[in-house]
mmCIF file of all heavy atoms, coordinates in Angstrom:
data_MODEL
# 
_entry.id   MODEL 
# 
loop_
_atom_site.group_PDB 
_atom_site.id 
_atom_site.type_symbol 
_atom_site.label_atom_id 
_atom_site.label_alt_id 
_atom_site.label_comp_id 
_atom_site.label_asym_id 
_atom_site.label_entity_id 
_atom_site.label_seq_id 
_atom_site.pdbx_PDB_ins_code 
_atom_site.Cartn_x 
_atom_site.Cartn_y 
_atom_site.Cartn_z 
_atom_site.occupancy 
_atom_site.B_iso_or_equiv 
_atom_site.pdbx_formal_charge 
_atom_site.auth_seq_id 
_atom_site.auth_comp_id 
_atom_site.auth_asym_id 
_atom_site.auth_atom_id 
_atom_site.pdbx_PDB_model_num 
ATOM 1   N N   . ARG A 1 1  ? 0.851  -1.195 0.000  1.00 0.00 ? 1  ARG A N   1 
ATOM 2   C CA  . ARG A 1 1  ? 0.000  0.000  0.000  1.00 0.00 ? 1  ARG A CA  1 
ATOM 3   C C   . ARG A 1 1  ? 0.881  1.237  0.000  1.00 0.00 ? 1  ARG A C   1 
ATOM 4   O O   . ARG A 1 1  ? 1.894  1.291  0.700  1.00 0.00 ? 1  ARG A O   1 
ATOM 5   C CB  . ARG A 1 1  ? -0.928 0.007  1.213  1.00 0.00 ? 1  ARG A CB  1 
ATOM 6   C CG  . ARG A 1 1  ? -1.873 1.208  1.258  1.00 0.00 ? 1  ARG A CG  1 
ATOM 7   C CD  . ARG A 1 1  ? -2.912 1.074  2.351  1.00 0.00 ? 1  ARG A CD  1 
ATOM 8   N NE  . ARG A 1 1  ? -3.751 -0.105 2.167  1.00 0.00 ? 1  ARG A NE  1 
ATOM 9   C CZ  . ARG A 1 1  ? -5.045 -0.142 2.464  1.00 0.00 ? 1  ARG A CZ  1 
ATOM 10  N NH1 . ARG A 1 1  ? -5.661 0.913  2.940  1.00 0.00 ? 1  ARG A NH1 1 
ATOM 11  N NH2 . ARG A 1 1  ? -5.731 -1.261 2.298  1.00 0.00 ? 1  ARG A NH2 1 
ATOM 12  N N   . VAL A 1 2  ? 0.495  2.221  -0.795 1.00 0.00 ? 2  VAL A N   1 
ATOM 13  C CA  . VAL A 1 2  ? 1.171  3.511  -0.812 1.00 0.00 ? 2  VAL A CA  1 
ATOM 14  C C   . VAL A 1 2  ? 0.158  4.576  -0.432 1.00 0.00 ? 2  VAL A C   1 
ATOM 15  O O   . VAL A 1 2  ? -0.912 4.675  -1.034 1.00 0.00 ? 2  VAL A O   1 
ATOM 16  C CB  . VAL A 1 2  ? 1.768  3.822  -2.201 1.00 0.00 ? 2  VAL A CB  1 
ATOM 17  C CG1 . VAL A 1 2  ? 2.370  5.225  -2.234 1.00 0.00 ? 2  VAL A CG1 1 
ATOM 18  C CG2 . VAL A 1 2  ? 2.827  2.792  -2.569 1.00 0.00 ? 2  VAL A CG2 1 
ATOM 19  N N   . ALA A 1 3  ? 0.489  5.350  0.596  1.00 0.00 ? 3  ALA A N   1 
ATOM 20  C CA  . ALA A 1 3  ? -0.391 6.446  1.017  1.00 0.00 ? 3  ALA A CA  1 
ATOM 21  C C   . ALA A 1 3  ? -0.277 7.605  0.037  1.00 0.00 ? 3  ALA A C   1 
ATOM 22  O O   . ALA A 1 3  ? 0.653  7.676  -0.772 1.00 0.00 ? 3  ALA A O   1 
ATOM 23  C CB  . ALA A 1 3  ? -0.022 6.888  2.428  1.00 0.00 ? 3  ALA A CB  1 
ATOM 24  N N   . ALA A 1 4  ? -1.209 8.534  0.128  1.00 0.00 ? 4  ALA A N   1 
ATOM 25  C CA  . ALA A 1 4  ? -1.258 9.654  -0.807 1.00 0.00 ? 4  ALA A CA  1 
ATOM 26  C C   . ALA A 1 4  ? 0.000  10.515 -0.761 1.00 0.00 ? 4  ALA A C   1 
ATOM 27  O O   . ALA A 1 4  ? 0.361  11.163 -1.742 1.00 0.00 ? 4  ALA A O   1 
ATOM 28  C CB  . ALA A 1 4  ? -2.490 10.514 -0.524 1.00 0.00 ? 4  ALA A CB  1 
ATOM 29  N N   . ASN A 1 5  ? 0.698  10.516 0.376  1.00 0.00 ? 5  ASN A N   1 
ATOM 30  C CA  . ASN A 1 5  ? 1.918  11.316 0.501  1.00 0.00 ? 5  ASN A CA  1 
ATOM 31  C C   . ASN A 1 5  ? 3.173  10.552 0.109  1.00 0.00 ? 5  ASN A C   1 
ATOM 32  O O   . ASN A 1 5  ? 4.283  11.069 0.202  1.00 0.00 ? 5  ASN A O   1 
ATOM 33  C CB  . ASN A 1 5  ? 2.066  11.846 1.934  1.00 0.00 ? 5  ASN A CB  1 
ATOM 34  C CG  . ASN A 1 5  ? 2.421  10.744 2.924  1.00 0.00 ? 5  ASN A CG  1 
ATOM 35  O OD1 . ASN A 1 5  ? 2.147  9.566  2.674  1.00 0.00 ? 5  ASN A OD1 1 
ATOM 36  N ND2 . ASN A 1 5  ? 3.007  11.117 4.042  1.00 0.00 ? 5  ASN A ND2 1 
ATOM 37  N N   . GLY A 1 6  ? 3.014  9.293  -0.319 1.00 0.00 ? 6  GLY A N   1 
ATOM 38  C CA  . GLY A 1 6  ? 4.157  8.501  -0.766 1.00 0.00 ? 6  GLY A CA  1 
ATOM 39  C C   . GLY A 1 6  ? 4.740  7.568  0.264  1.00 0.00 ? 6  GLY A C   1 
ATOM 40  O O   . GLY A 1 6  ? 5.679  6.826  -0.040 1.00 0.00 ? 6  GLY A O   1 
ATOM 41  N N   . ASP A 1 7  ? 4.235  7.578  1.515  1.00 0.00 ? 7  ASP A N   1 
ATOM 42  C CA  . ASP A 1 7  ? 4.654  6.573  2.485  1.00 0.00 ? 7  ASP A CA  1 
ATOM 43  C C   . ASP A 1 7  ? 4.224  5.194  1.980  1.00 0.00 ? 7  ASP A C   1 
ATOM 44  O O   . ASP A 1 7  ? 3.126  5.047  1.434  1.00 0.00 ? 7  ASP A O   1 
ATOM 45  C CB  . ASP A 1 7  ? 4.010  6.823  3.853  1.00 0.00 ? 7  ASP A CB  1 
ATOM 46  C CG  . ASP A 1 7  ? 4.521  8.079  4.528  1.00 0.00 ? 7  ASP A CG  1 
ATOM 47  O OD1 . ASP A 1 7  ? 5.543  8.630  4.082  1.00 0.00 ? 7  ASP A OD1 1 
ATOM 48  O OD2 . ASP A 1 7  ? 3.888  8.521  5.514  1.00 0.00 ? 7  ASP A OD2 1 
ATOM 49  N N   . ALA A 1 8  ? 5.078  4.182  2.176  1.00 0.00 ? 8  ALA A N   1 
ATOM 50  C CA  . ALA A 1 8  ? 4.791  2.859  1.604  1.00 0.00 ? 8  ALA A CA  1 
ATOM 51  C C   . ALA A 1 8  ? 4.817  1.776  2.664  1.00 0.00 ? 8  ALA A C   1 
ATOM 52  O O   . ALA A 1 8  ? 5.732  1.726  3.479  1.00 0.00 ? 8  ALA A O   1 
ATOM 53  C CB  . ALA A 1 8  ? 5.802  2.526  0.507  1.00 0.00 ? 8  ALA A CB  1 
ATOM 54  N N   . ALA A 1 9  ? 3.799  0.910  2.659  1.00 0.00 ? 9  ALA A N   1 
ATOM 55  C CA  . ALA A 1 9  ? 3.752  -0.247 3.553  1.00 0.00 ? 9  ALA A CA  1 
ATOM 56  C C   . ALA A 1 9  ? 4.479  -1.402 2.887  1.00 0.00 ? 9  ALA A C   1 
ATOM 57  O O   . ALA A 1 9  ? 4.121  -1.828 1.787  1.00 0.00 ? 9  ALA A O   1 
ATOM 58  C CB  . ALA A 1 9  ? 2.312  -0.629 3.842  1.00 0.00 ? 9  ALA A CB  1 
ATOM 59  N N   . ASN A 1 10 ? 5.535  -1.869 3.546  1.00 0.00 ? 10 ASN A N   1 
ATOM 60  C CA  . ASN A 1 10 ? 6.358  -2.953 3.025  1.00 0.00 ? 10 ASN A CA  1 
ATOM 61  C C   . ASN A 1 10 ? 6.482  -4.039 4.080  1.00 0.00 ? 10 ASN A C   1 
ATOM 62  O O   . ASN A 1 10 ? 5.991  -3.894 5.195  1.00 0.00 ? 10 ASN A O   1 
ATOM 63  C CB  . ASN A 1 10 ? 7.752  -2.444 2.670  1.00 0.00 ? 10 ASN A CB  1 
ATOM 64  C CG  . ASN A 1 10 ? 7.736  -1.191 1.824  1.00 0.00 ? 10 ASN A CG  1 
ATOM 65  O OD1 . ASN A 1 10 ? 7.801  -0.100 2.361  1.00 0.00 ? 10 ASN A OD1 1 
ATOM 66  N ND2 . ASN A 1 10 ? 7.656  -1.343 0.524  1.00 0.00 ? 10 ASN A ND2 1 
ATOM 67  N N   . LYS A 1 11 ? 7.153  -5.117 3.743  1.00 0.00 ? 11 LYS A N   1 
ATOM 68  C CA  . LYS A 1 11 ? 7.415  -6.161 4.732  1.00 0.00 ? 11 LYS A CA  1 
ATOM 69  C C   . LYS A 1 11 ? 8.179  -5.587 5.921  1.00 0.00 ? 11 LYS A C   1 
ATOM 70  O O   . LYS A 1 11 ? 8.928  -4.627 5.789  1.00 0.00 ? 11 LYS A O   1 
ATOM 71  C CB  . LYS A 1 11 ? 8.227  -7.290 4.096  1.00 0.00 ? 11 LYS A CB  1 
ATOM 72  C CG  . LYS A 1 11 ? 7.474  -8.024 3.000  1.00 0.00 ? 11 LYS A CG  1 
ATOM 73  C CD  . LYS A 1 11 ? 6.264  -8.752 3.540  1.00 0.00 ? 11 LYS A CD  1 
ATOM 74  C CE  . LYS A 1 11 ? 5.530  -9.486 2.435  1.00 0.00 ? 11 LYS A CE  1 
ATOM 75  N NZ  . LYS A 1 11 ? 4.832  -8.586 1.505  1.00 0.00 ? 11 LYS A NZ  1 
ATOM 76  N N   . ILE A 1 12 ? 8.005  -6.185 7.078  1.00 0.00 ? 12 ILE A N   1 
ATOM 77  C CA  . ILE A 1 12 ? 8.636  -5.678 8.293  1.00 0.00 ? 12 ILE A CA  1 
ATOM 78  C C   . ILE A 1 12 ? 10.164 -5.651 8.115  1.00 0.00 ? 12 ILE A C   1 
ATOM 79  O O   . ILE A 1 12 ? 10.760 -6.595 7.615  1.00 0.00 ? 12 ILE A O   1 
ATOM 80  C CB  . ILE A 1 12 ? 8.237  -6.523 9.528  1.00 0.00 ? 12 ILE A CB  1 
ATOM 81  C CG1 . ILE A 1 12 ? 8.637  -5.829 10.818 1.00 0.00 ? 12 ILE A CG1 1 
ATOM 82  C CG2 . ILE A 1 12 ? 8.798  -7.927 9.462  1.00 0.00 ? 12 ILE A CG2 1 
ATOM 83  C CD1 . ILE A 1 12 ? 7.835  -4.605 11.129 1.00 0.00 ? 12 ILE A CD1 1 
ATOM 84  N N   . GLY A 1 13 ? 10.762 -4.542 8.502  1.00 0.00 ? 13 GLY A N   1 
ATOM 85  C CA  . GLY A 1 13 ? 12.204 -4.369 8.361  1.00 0.00 ? 13 GLY A CA  1 
ATOM 86  C C   . GLY A 1 13 ? 12.610 -3.542 7.160  1.00 0.00 ? 13 GLY A C   1 
ATOM 87  O O   . GLY A 1 13 ? 13.759 -3.115 7.053  1.00 0.00 ? 13 GLY A O   1 
ATOM 88  N N   . THR A 1 14 ? 11.665 -3.274 6.247  1.00 0.00 ? 14 THR A N   1 
ATOM 89  C CA  . THR A 1 14 ? 12.015 -2.518 5.050  1.00 0.00 ? 14 THR A CA  1 
ATOM 90  C C   . THR A 1 14 ? 12.442 -1.099 5.390  1.00 0.00 ? 14 THR A C   1 
ATOM 91  O O   . THR A 1 14 ? 13.365 -0.554 4.778  1.00 0.00 ? 14 THR A O   1 
ATOM 92  C CB  . THR A 1 14 ? 10.826 -2.485 4.072  1.00 0.00 ? 14 THR A CB  1 
ATOM 93  O OG1 . THR A 1 14 ? 10.416 -3.811 3.780  1.00 0.00 ? 14 THR A OG1 1 
ATOM 94  C CG2 . THR A 1 14 ? 11.213 -1.803 2.772  1.00 0.00 ? 14 THR A CG2 1 
ATOM 95  N N   . SER A 1 15 ? 11.778 -0.481 6.358  1.00 0.00 ? 15 SER A N   1 
ATOM 96  C CA  . SER A 1 15 ? 12.134 0.893  6.710  1.00 0.00 ? 15 SER A CA  1 
ATOM 97  C C   . SER A 1 15 ? 13.560 0.969  7.257  1.00 0.00 ? 15 SER A C   1 
ATOM 98  O O   . SER A 1 15 ? 14.274 1.945  7.019  1.00 0.00 ? 15 SER A O   1 
ATOM 99  C CB  . SER A 1 15 ? 11.131 1.471  7.707  1.00 0.00 ? 15 SER A CB  1 
ATOM 100 O OG  . SER A 1 15 ? 11.067 0.696  8.883  1.00 0.00 ? 15 SER A OG  1 
ATOM 101 N N   . SER A 1 16 ? 14.002 -0.064 7.965  1.00 0.00 ? 16 SER A N   1 
ATOM 102 C CA  . SER A 1 16 ? 15.380 -0.105 8.452  1.00 0.00 ? 16 SER A CA  1 
ATOM 103 C C   . SER A 1 16 ? 16.365 -0.154 7.291  1.00 0.00 ? 16 SER A C   1 
ATOM 104 O O   . SER A 1 16 ? 17.413 0.511  7.300  1.00 0.00 ? 16 SER A O   1 
ATOM 105 C CB  . SER A 1 16 ? 15.596 -1.315 9.361  1.00 0.00 ? 16 SER A CB  1 
ATOM 106 O OG  . SER A 1 16 ? 14.742 -1.293 10.477 1.00 0.00 ? 16 SER A OG  1 
ATOM 107 N N   . VAL A 1 17 ? 16.038 -0.956 6.277  1.00 0.00 ? 17 VAL A N   1 
ATOM 108 C CA  . VAL A 1 17 ? 16.871 -1.033 5.080  1.00 0.00 ? 17 VAL A CA  1 
ATOM 109 C C   . VAL A 1 17 ? 16.913 0.328  4.380  1.00 0.00 ? 17 VAL A C   1 
ATOM 110 O O   . VAL A 1 17 ? 17.963 0.762  3.888  1.00 0.00 ? 17 VAL A O   1 
ATOM 111 C CB  . VAL A 1 17 ? 16.343 -2.118 4.123  1.00 0.00 ? 17 VAL A CB  1 
ATOM 112 C CG1 . VAL A 1 17 ? 17.100 -2.098 2.798  1.00 0.00 ? 17 VAL A CG1 1 
ATOM 113 C CG2 . VAL A 1 17 ? 16.448 -3.493 4.760  1.00 0.00 ? 17 VAL A CG2 1 
ATOM 114 N N   . ALA A 1 18 ? 15.758 1.025  4.360  1.00 0.00 ? 18 ALA A N   1 
ATOM 115 C CA  . ALA A 1 18 ? 15.699 2.344  3.720  1.00 0.00 ? 18 ALA A CA  1 
ATOM 116 C C   . ALA A 1 18 ? 16.583 3.355  4.432  1.00 0.00 ? 18 ALA A C   1 
ATOM 117 O O   . ALA A 1 18 ? 17.246 4.194  3.791  1.00 0.00 ? 18 ALA A O   1 
ATOM 118 C CB  . ALA A 1 18 ? 14.255 2.826  3.684  1.00 0.00 ? 18 ALA A CB  1 
ATOM 119 N N   . VAL A 1 19 ? 16.602 3.298  5.754  1.00 0.00 ? 19 VAL A N   1 
ATOM 120 C CA  . VAL A 1 19 ? 17.466 4.201  6.529  1.00 0.00 ? 19 VAL A CA  1 
ATOM 121 C C   . VAL A 1 19 ? 18.933 3.939  6.187  1.00 0.00 ? 19 VAL A C   1 
ATOM 122 O O   . VAL A 1 19 ? 19.727 4.870  5.987  1.00 0.00 ? 19 VAL A O   1 
ATOM 123 C CB  . VAL A 1 19 ? 17.217 4.029  8.042  1.00 0.00 ? 19 VAL A CB  1 
ATOM 124 C CG1 . VAL A 1 19 ? 18.268 4.778  8.851  1.00 0.00 ? 19 VAL A CG1 1 
ATOM 125 C CG2 . VAL A 1 19 ? 15.822 4.524  8.412  1.00 0.00 ? 19 VAL A CG2 1 
ATOM 126 N N   . LEU A 1 20 ? 19.311 2.661  6.108  1.00 0.00 ? 20 LEU A N   1 
ATOM 127 C CA  . LEU A 1 20 ? 20.676 2.302  5.755  1.00 0.00 ? 20 LEU A CA  1 
ATOM 128 C C   . LEU A 1 20 ? 21.022 2.769  4.347  1.00 0.00 ? 20 LEU A C   1 
ATOM 129 O O   . LEU A 1 20 ? 22.122 3.288  4.098  1.00 0.00 ? 20 LEU A O   1 
ATOM 130 C CB  . LEU A 1 20 ? 20.860 0.788  5.863  1.00 0.00 ? 20 LEU A CB  1 
ATOM 131 C CG  . LEU A 1 20 ? 20.888 0.202  7.271  1.00 0.00 ? 20 LEU A CG  1 
ATOM 132 C CD1 . LEU A 1 20 ? 20.741 -1.314 7.225  1.00 0.00 ? 20 LEU A CD1 1 
ATOM 133 C CD2 . LEU A 1 20 ? 22.193 0.586  7.980  1.00 0.00 ? 20 LEU A CD2 1 
ATOM 134 N N   . ALA A 1 21 ? 20.098 2.577  3.406  1.00 0.00 ? 21 ALA A N   1 
ATOM 135 C CA  . ALA A 1 21 ? 20.341 2.999  2.032  1.00 0.00 ? 21 ALA A CA  1 
ATOM 136 C C   . ALA A 1 21 ? 20.536 4.517  1.953  1.00 0.00 ? 21 ALA A C   1 
ATOM 137 O O   . ALA A 1 21 ? 21.407 5.002  1.221  1.00 0.00 ? 21 ALA A O   1 
ATOM 138 C CB  . ALA A 1 21 ? 19.176 2.568  1.143  1.00 0.00 ? 21 ALA A CB  1 
ATOM 139 N N   . LYS A 1 22 ? 19.748 5.250  2.722  1.00 0.00 ? 22 LYS A N   1 
ATOM 140 C CA  . LYS A 1 22 ? 19.885 6.706  2.769  1.00 0.00 ? 22 LYS A CA  1 
ATOM 141 C C   . LYS A 1 22 ? 21.269 7.085  3.291  1.00 0.00 ? 22 LYS A C   1 
ATOM 142 O O   . LYS A 1 22 ? 21.940 7.974  2.745  1.00 0.00 ? 22 LYS A O   1 
ATOM 143 C CB  . LYS A 1 22 ? 18.798 7.284  3.676  1.00 0.00 ? 22 LYS A CB  1 
ATOM 144 C CG  . LYS A 1 22 ? 18.766 8.807  3.734  1.00 0.00 ? 22 LYS A CG  1 
ATOM 145 C CD  . LYS A 1 22 ? 17.924 9.380  2.612  1.00 0.00 ? 22 LYS A CD  1 
ATOM 146 C CE  . LYS A 1 22 ? 17.633 10.841 2.828  1.00 0.00 ? 22 LYS A CE  1 
ATOM 147 N NZ  . LYS A 1 22 ? 16.768 11.400 1.770  1.00 0.00 ? 22 LYS A NZ  1 
ATOM 148 N N   . HIS A 1 23 ? 21.711 6.404  4.336  1.00 0.00 ? 23 HIS A N   1 
ATOM 149 C CA  . HIS A 1 23 ? 23.017 6.690  4.946  1.00 0.00 ? 23 HIS A CA  1 
ATOM 150 C C   . HIS A 1 23 ? 24.151 6.441  3.950  1.00 0.00 ? 23 HIS A C   1 
ATOM 151 O O   . HIS A 1 23 ? 25.100 7.236  3.871  1.00 0.00 ? 23 HIS A O   1 
ATOM 152 C CB  . HIS A 1 23 ? 23.210 5.835  6.187  1.00 0.00 ? 23 HIS A CB  1 
ATOM 153 C CG  . HIS A 1 23 ? 24.555 5.986  6.821  1.00 0.00 ? 23 HIS A CG  1 
ATOM 154 N ND1 . HIS A 1 23 ? 24.908 7.097  7.556  1.00 0.00 ? 23 HIS A ND1 1 
ATOM 155 C CD2 . HIS A 1 23 ? 25.648 5.167  6.818  1.00 0.00 ? 23 HIS A CD2 1 
ATOM 156 C CE1 . HIS A 1 23 ? 26.158 6.961  7.981  1.00 0.00 ? 23 HIS A CE1 1 
ATOM 157 N NE2 . HIS A 1 23 ? 26.623 5.796  7.548  1.00 0.00 ? 23 HIS A NE2 1 
ATOM 158 N N   . TYR A 1 24 ? 24.059 5.350  3.198  1.00 0.00 ? 24 TYR A N   1 
ATOM 159 C CA  . TYR A 1 24 ? 25.124 4.993  2.264  1.00 0.00 ? 24 TYR A CA  1 
ATOM 160 C C   . TYR A 1 24 ? 24.885 5.544  0.854  1.00 0.00 ? 24 TYR A C   1 
ATOM 161 O O   . TYR A 1 24 ? 25.609 5.201  -0.082 1.00 0.00 ? 24 TYR A O   1 
ATOM 162 C CB  . TYR A 1 24 ? 25.295 3.475  2.225  1.00 0.00 ? 24 TYR A CB  1 
ATOM 163 C CG  . TYR A 1 24 ? 25.933 2.923  3.474  1.00 0.00 ? 24 TYR A CG  1 
ATOM 164 C CD1 . TYR A 1 24 ? 25.181 2.218  4.416  1.00 0.00 ? 24 TYR A CD1 1 
ATOM 165 C CD2 . TYR A 1 24 ? 27.284 3.127  3.741  1.00 0.00 ? 24 TYR A CD2 1 
ATOM 166 C CE1 . TYR A 1 24 ? 25.763 1.715  5.580  1.00 0.00 ? 24 TYR A CE1 1 
ATOM 167 C CE2 . TYR A 1 24 ? 27.872 2.631  4.897  1.00 0.00 ? 24 TYR A CE2 1 
ATOM 168 C CZ  . TYR A 1 24 ? 27.108 1.938  5.816  1.00 0.00 ? 24 TYR A CZ  1 
ATOM 169 O OH  . TYR A 1 24 ? 27.696 1.453  6.962  1.00 0.00 ? 24 TYR A OH  1 
ATOM 170 N N   . ARG A 1 25 ? 23.868 6.374  0.700  1.00 0.00 ? 25 ARG A N   1 
ATOM 171 C CA  . ARG A 1 25 ? 23.555 7.050  -0.565 1.00 0.00 ? 25 ARG A CA  1 
ATOM 172 C C   . ARG A 1 25 ? 23.312 6.049  -1.689 1.00 0.00 ? 25 ARG A C   1 
ATOM 173 O O   . ARG A 1 25 ? 23.814 6.191  -2.805 1.00 0.00 ? 25 ARG A O   1 
ATOM 174 C CB  . ARG A 1 25 ? 24.671 8.039  -0.930 1.00 0.00 ? 25 ARG A CB  1 
ATOM 175 C CG  . ARG A 1 25 ? 24.860 9.138  0.107  1.00 0.00 ? 25 ARG A CG  1 
ATOM 176 C CD  . ARG A 1 25 ? 25.950 10.101 -0.280 1.00 0.00 ? 25 ARG A CD  1 
ATOM 177 N NE  . ARG A 1 25 ? 26.108 11.136 0.745  1.00 0.00 ? 25 ARG A NE  1 
ATOM 178 C CZ  . ARG A 1 25 ? 27.000 12.121 0.686  1.00 0.00 ? 25 ARG A CZ  1 
ATOM 179 N NH1 . ARG A 1 25 ? 27.829 12.213 -0.351 1.00 0.00 ? 25 ARG A NH1 1 
ATOM 180 N NH2 . ARG A 1 25 ? 27.087 13.014 1.660  1.00 0.00 ? 25 ARG A NH2 1 
ATOM 181 N N   . ILE A 1 26 ? 22.531 5.049  -1.374 1.00 0.00 ? 26 ILE A N   1 
ATOM 182 C CA  . ILE A 1 26 ? 22.155 4.016  -2.337 1.00 0.00 ? 26 ILE A CA  1 
ATOM 183 C C   . ILE A 1 26 ? 20.691 4.226  -2.719 1.00 0.00 ? 26 ILE A C   1 
ATOM 184 O O   . ILE A 1 26 ? 19.837 4.399  -1.845 1.00 0.00 ? 26 ILE A O   1 
ATOM 185 C CB  . ILE A 1 26 ? 22.346 2.614  -1.723 1.00 0.00 ? 26 ILE A CB  1 
ATOM 186 C CG1 . ILE A 1 26 ? 23.834 2.371  -1.421 1.00 0.00 ? 26 ILE A CG1 1 
ATOM 187 C CG2 . ILE A 1 26 ? 21.798 1.527  -2.642 1.00 0.00 ? 26 ILE A CG2 1 
ATOM 188 C CD1 . ILE A 1 26 ? 24.091 1.130  -0.590 1.00 0.00 ? 26 ILE A CD1 1 
ATOM 189 N N   . PRO A 1 27 ? 20.353 4.223  -4.008 1.00 0.00 ? 27 PRO A N   1 
ATOM 190 C CA  . PRO A 1 27 ? 18.953 4.398  -4.415 1.00 0.00 ? 27 PRO A CA  1 
ATOM 191 C C   . PRO A 1 27 ? 18.052 3.326  -3.803 1.00 0.00 ? 27 PRO A C   1 
ATOM 192 O O   . PRO A 1 27 ? 18.402 2.136  -3.818 1.00 0.00 ? 27 PRO A O   1 
ATOM 193 C CB  . PRO A 1 27 ? 18.999 4.270  -5.935 1.00 0.00 ? 27 PRO A CB  1 
ATOM 194 C CG  . PRO A 1 27 ? 20.410 4.566  -6.307 1.00 0.00 ? 27 PRO A CG  1 
ATOM 195 C CD  . PRO A 1 27 ? 21.251 4.080  -5.156 1.00 0.00 ? 27 PRO A CD  1 
# 
């Protein structure tokens, strides 16, 4: 599910991976 503002519901732990990707500048 994607909310109107672009927040996305993913499998548990995905947001942690996103934080790491942001830190290491990975798309």
